[in-house]
């Protein structure tokens, strides 16, 4: 089980409390927010950009992605995003 899946399970079971995230005055799903931010970061990393304070290896490890580069891992990550959307 990846750390992302473990965090989701811990929130559902009550072991962990997810931070509250709001946009335009409304509460939004924390894991959906997290996925959208990481999708943005990983998409730009796949094109060769880097970010201060965000490492590709951390994203890769958190979601259990396999591959040498962000471009290799992006299709796997997009599949995780789609599966998350279906589960809502």
N, C-alpha and C. Protein backbone atom coordinates (compact mmCIF):
# COMPACT_ATOMS: atom_id res chain seq x y z
N UNK A 1 0.85 -1.17 0.00
CA UNK A 1 0.00 0.00 0.00
C UNK A 1 0.90 1.24 0.00
N UNK A 2 0.57 2.18 -0.87
CA UNK A 2 1.37 3.40 -0.97
C UNK A 2 1.03 4.35 0.18
N UNK A 3 1.90 5.30 0.48
CA UNK A 3 1.58 6.29 1.52
C UNK A 3 0.30 7.07 1.22
N UNK A 4 0.01 7.33 -0.06
CA UNK A 4 -1.22 8.02 -0.44
C UNK A 4 -2.44 7.17 -0.07
N UNK A 5 -2.41 5.91 -0.41
CA UNK A 5 -3.52 5.00 -0.08
C UNK A 5 -3.65 4.84 1.43
N UNK A 6 -2.52 4.77 2.12
CA UNK A 6 -2.54 4.63 3.58
C UNK A 6 -3.16 5.87 4.24
N UNK A 7 -2.82 7.05 3.74
CA UNK A 7 -3.39 8.29 4.29
C UNK A 7 -4.89 8.33 4.08
N UNK A 8 -5.35 7.92 2.91
CA UNK A 8 -6.79 7.88 2.65
C UNK A 8 -7.49 6.93 3.61
N UNK A 9 -6.90 5.77 3.79
CA UNK A 9 -7.48 4.76 4.69
C UNK A 9 -7.49 5.27 6.13
N UNK A 10 -6.42 5.92 6.55
CA UNK A 10 -6.35 6.44 7.92
C UNK A 10 -7.39 7.54 8.17
N UNK A 11 -7.65 8.36 7.16
CA UNK A 11 -8.68 9.40 7.31
C UNK A 11 -10.06 8.76 7.41
N UNK A 12 -10.32 7.74 6.58
CA UNK A 12 -11.62 7.06 6.62
C UNK A 12 -11.85 6.36 7.95
N UNK A 13 -10.79 5.78 8.51
CA UNK A 13 -10.93 5.04 9.76
C UNK A 13 -10.89 5.96 10.99
N UNK A 14 -10.51 7.22 10.79
CA UNK A 14 -10.47 8.17 11.90
C UNK A 14 -9.12 8.26 12.60
N UNK A 15 -8.13 7.53 12.14
CA UNK A 15 -6.79 7.58 12.73
C UNK A 15 -6.09 8.91 12.44
N UNK A 16 -6.45 9.52 11.33
CA UNK A 16 -5.79 10.73 10.86
C UNK A 16 -6.86 11.73 10.47
N UNK A 17 -6.62 12.98 10.75
CA UNK A 17 -7.55 14.03 10.35
C UNK A 17 -6.92 14.81 9.21
N UNK A 18 -7.63 14.85 8.08
CA UNK A 18 -7.12 15.57 6.91
C UNK A 18 -7.27 17.07 7.14
N UNK A 19 -6.31 17.85 6.68
CA UNK A 19 -6.44 19.31 6.80
C UNK A 19 -7.65 19.81 6.03
N UNK A 20 -8.21 20.90 6.49
CA UNK A 20 -9.33 21.51 5.78
C UNK A 20 -8.79 22.44 4.72
N UNK A 21 -9.33 22.31 3.52
CA UNK A 21 -8.91 23.14 2.40
C UNK A 21 -10.16 23.83 1.86
N UNK A 22 -10.05 25.12 1.63
CA UNK A 22 -11.20 25.83 1.08
C UNK A 22 -10.77 26.64 -0.14
N UNK A 23 -11.73 26.77 -1.06
CA UNK A 23 -11.51 27.56 -2.26
C UNK A 23 -12.82 28.30 -2.53
N UNK A 24 -12.71 29.59 -2.73
CA UNK A 24 -13.89 30.43 -2.97
C UNK A 24 -14.91 30.31 -1.84
N UNK A 25 -14.41 30.17 -0.63
CA UNK A 25 -15.27 30.11 0.54
C UNK A 25 -15.95 28.78 0.78
N UNK A 26 -15.63 27.75 -0.02
CA UNK A 26 -16.24 26.43 0.14
C UNK A 26 -15.18 25.41 0.51
N UNK A 27 -15.55 24.45 1.34
CA UNK A 27 -14.64 23.36 1.69
C UNK A 27 -14.51 22.43 0.49
N UNK A 28 -13.28 22.02 0.20
CA UNK A 28 -13.04 21.06 -0.88
C UNK A 28 -12.31 19.85 -0.32
N UNK A 29 -12.38 18.77 -1.06
CA UNK A 29 -11.76 17.51 -0.65
C UNK A 29 -10.23 17.67 -0.62
N UNK A 30 -9.63 17.32 0.51
CA UNK A 30 -8.18 17.48 0.68
C UNK A 30 -7.40 16.64 -0.32
N UNK A 31 -7.77 15.37 -0.48
CA UNK A 31 -7.01 14.49 -1.36
C UNK A 31 -7.19 14.89 -2.83
N UNK A 32 -8.36 15.40 -3.18
CA UNK A 32 -8.57 15.91 -4.54
C UNK A 32 -7.69 17.12 -4.80
N UNK A 33 -7.59 17.99 -3.80
CA UNK A 33 -6.72 19.16 -3.89
C UNK A 33 -5.26 18.73 -4.05
N UNK A 34 -4.87 17.79 -3.23
CA UNK A 34 -3.49 17.29 -3.26
C UNK A 34 -3.17 16.69 -4.63
N UNK A 35 -4.09 15.91 -5.17
CA UNK A 35 -3.87 15.31 -6.49
C UNK A 35 -3.75 16.38 -7.57
N UNK A 36 -4.59 17.41 -7.50
CA UNK A 36 -4.53 18.45 -8.54
C UNK A 36 -3.23 19.23 -8.48
N UNK A 37 -2.75 19.51 -7.29
CA UNK A 37 -1.47 20.23 -7.15
C UNK A 37 -0.32 19.37 -7.66
N UNK A 38 -0.31 18.09 -7.29
CA UNK A 38 0.76 17.21 -7.73
C UNK A 38 0.67 16.93 -9.23
N UNK A 39 -0.53 16.92 -9.79
CA UNK A 39 -0.68 16.76 -11.24
C UNK A 39 -0.05 17.94 -11.96
N UNK A 40 -0.31 19.14 -11.46
CA UNK A 40 0.29 20.35 -12.02
C UNK A 40 1.82 20.26 -11.96
N UNK A 41 2.34 19.92 -10.78
CA UNK A 41 3.79 19.85 -10.60
C UNK A 41 4.41 18.77 -11.49
N UNK A 42 3.83 17.59 -11.49
CA UNK A 42 4.39 16.48 -12.26
C UNK A 42 4.32 16.74 -13.76
N UNK A 43 3.26 17.39 -14.21
CA UNK A 43 3.14 17.73 -15.64
C UNK A 43 4.25 18.67 -16.07
N UNK A 44 4.54 19.66 -15.24
CA UNK A 44 5.63 20.58 -15.57
C UNK A 44 7.00 19.91 -15.43
N UNK A 45 7.15 19.03 -14.45
CA UNK A 45 8.41 18.30 -14.31
C UNK A 45 8.66 17.42 -15.53
N UNK A 46 7.59 16.86 -16.09
CA UNK A 46 7.72 16.02 -17.28
C UNK A 46 8.22 16.83 -18.48
N UNK A 47 8.01 18.14 -18.44
CA UNK A 47 8.48 19.01 -19.52
C UNK A 47 9.86 19.61 -19.21
N UNK A 48 10.44 19.24 -18.06
CA UNK A 48 11.79 19.67 -17.74
C UNK A 48 11.93 20.76 -16.69
N UNK A 49 10.83 21.23 -16.15
CA UNK A 49 10.91 22.28 -15.13
C UNK A 49 11.14 21.67 -13.75
N UNK A 50 11.71 22.46 -12.87
CA UNK A 50 11.90 22.04 -11.48
C UNK A 50 11.21 23.03 -10.56
N UNK A 51 10.99 22.60 -9.33
CA UNK A 51 10.33 23.43 -8.34
C UNK A 51 11.18 23.50 -7.08
N UNK A 52 11.20 24.63 -6.47
CA UNK A 52 11.90 24.78 -5.21
C UNK A 52 11.04 24.14 -4.12
N UNK A 53 11.62 23.23 -3.37
CA UNK A 53 10.93 22.61 -2.25
C UNK A 53 10.09 21.40 -2.61
N UNK A 54 9.98 21.06 -3.90
CA UNK A 54 9.21 19.89 -4.32
C UNK A 54 10.15 18.99 -5.12
N UNK A 55 10.31 17.76 -4.65
CA UNK A 55 11.20 16.84 -5.35
C UNK A 55 10.38 15.76 -6.05
N UNK A 56 10.80 15.43 -7.25
CA UNK A 56 10.15 14.38 -8.02
C UNK A 56 10.16 13.07 -7.24
N UNK A 57 11.27 12.78 -6.59
CA UNK A 57 11.38 11.51 -5.86
C UNK A 57 10.35 11.41 -4.73
N UNK A 58 10.01 12.54 -4.11
CA UNK A 58 8.99 12.51 -3.05
C UNK A 58 7.61 12.19 -3.61
N UNK A 59 7.26 12.80 -4.73
CA UNK A 59 5.97 12.52 -5.38
C UNK A 59 5.93 11.06 -5.83
N UNK A 60 7.01 10.62 -6.42
CA UNK A 60 7.11 9.25 -6.92
C UNK A 60 6.92 8.24 -5.78
N UNK A 61 7.57 8.47 -4.67
CA UNK A 61 7.48 7.57 -3.52
C UNK A 61 6.08 7.61 -2.89
N UNK A 62 5.49 8.79 -2.77
CA UNK A 62 4.19 8.96 -2.11
C UNK A 62 3.08 8.21 -2.85
N UNK A 63 3.15 8.22 -4.19
CA UNK A 63 2.11 7.57 -4.99
C UNK A 63 2.51 6.19 -5.49
N UNK A 64 3.74 5.76 -5.22
CA UNK A 64 4.20 4.44 -5.65
C UNK A 64 4.42 4.35 -7.15
N UNK A 65 4.90 5.41 -7.76
CA UNK A 65 5.11 5.44 -9.20
C UNK A 65 6.42 4.76 -9.57
N UNK A 66 6.44 4.16 -10.75
CA UNK A 66 7.63 3.46 -11.25
C UNK A 66 8.11 4.15 -12.51
N UNK A 67 9.41 4.39 -12.58
CA UNK A 67 10.00 5.01 -13.76
C UNK A 67 11.17 5.89 -13.37
N UNK A 68 11.95 6.27 -14.36
CA UNK A 68 13.15 7.07 -14.10
C UNK A 68 12.89 8.57 -14.16
N UNK A 69 11.89 8.97 -14.92
CA UNK A 69 11.65 10.40 -15.10
C UNK A 69 10.19 10.73 -14.83
N UNK A 70 9.93 12.02 -14.73
CA UNK A 70 8.55 12.48 -14.53
C UNK A 70 7.70 12.12 -15.75
N UNK A 71 8.28 12.18 -16.93
CA UNK A 71 7.55 11.81 -18.14
C UNK A 71 7.15 10.34 -18.12
N UNK A 72 8.00 9.48 -17.57
CA UNK A 72 7.68 8.05 -17.44
C UNK A 72 6.54 7.82 -16.45
N UNK A 73 6.51 8.61 -15.39
CA UNK A 73 5.55 8.41 -14.31
C UNK A 73 4.22 9.12 -14.51
N UNK A 74 4.19 10.11 -15.38
CA UNK A 74 2.97 10.90 -15.57
C UNK A 74 1.76 10.05 -15.98
N UNK A 75 1.87 9.11 -16.93
CA UNK A 75 0.69 8.30 -17.27
C UNK A 75 0.16 7.48 -16.08
N UNK A 76 1.05 6.96 -15.26
CA UNK A 76 0.64 6.21 -14.06
C UNK A 76 -0.10 7.13 -13.10
N UNK A 77 0.41 8.34 -12.94
CA UNK A 77 -0.20 9.29 -12.03
C UNK A 77 -1.59 9.69 -12.53
N UNK A 78 -1.73 9.91 -13.84
CA UNK A 78 -3.03 10.28 -14.38
C UNK A 78 -4.05 9.16 -14.18
N UNK A 79 -3.59 7.93 -14.19
CA UNK A 79 -4.46 6.79 -13.91
C UNK A 79 -4.93 6.82 -12.45
N UNK A 80 -4.05 7.18 -11.54
CA UNK A 80 -4.40 7.32 -10.12
C UNK A 80 -5.46 8.41 -9.96
N UNK A 81 -5.29 9.52 -10.66
CA UNK A 81 -6.26 10.62 -10.60
C UNK A 81 -7.62 10.16 -11.10
N UNK A 82 -7.65 9.46 -12.23
CA UNK A 82 -8.92 8.98 -12.78
C UNK A 82 -9.60 7.99 -11.85
N UNK A 83 -8.82 7.10 -11.25
CA UNK A 83 -9.39 6.13 -10.30
C UNK A 83 -9.95 6.83 -9.08
N UNK A 84 -9.30 7.88 -8.64
CA UNK A 84 -9.79 8.65 -7.49
C UNK A 84 -11.11 9.32 -7.83
N UNK A 85 -11.19 9.89 -9.02
CA UNK A 85 -12.42 10.56 -9.45
C UNK A 85 -13.58 9.57 -9.51
N UNK A 86 -13.32 8.36 -10.01
CA UNK A 86 -14.36 7.33 -10.11
C UNK A 86 -14.85 6.90 -8.74
N UNK A 87 -13.93 6.89 -7.77
CA UNK A 87 -14.27 6.43 -6.42
C UNK A 87 -15.13 7.43 -5.66
N UNK A 88 -15.15 8.68 -6.11
CA UNK A 88 -15.96 9.69 -5.41
C UNK A 88 -17.37 9.38 -5.68
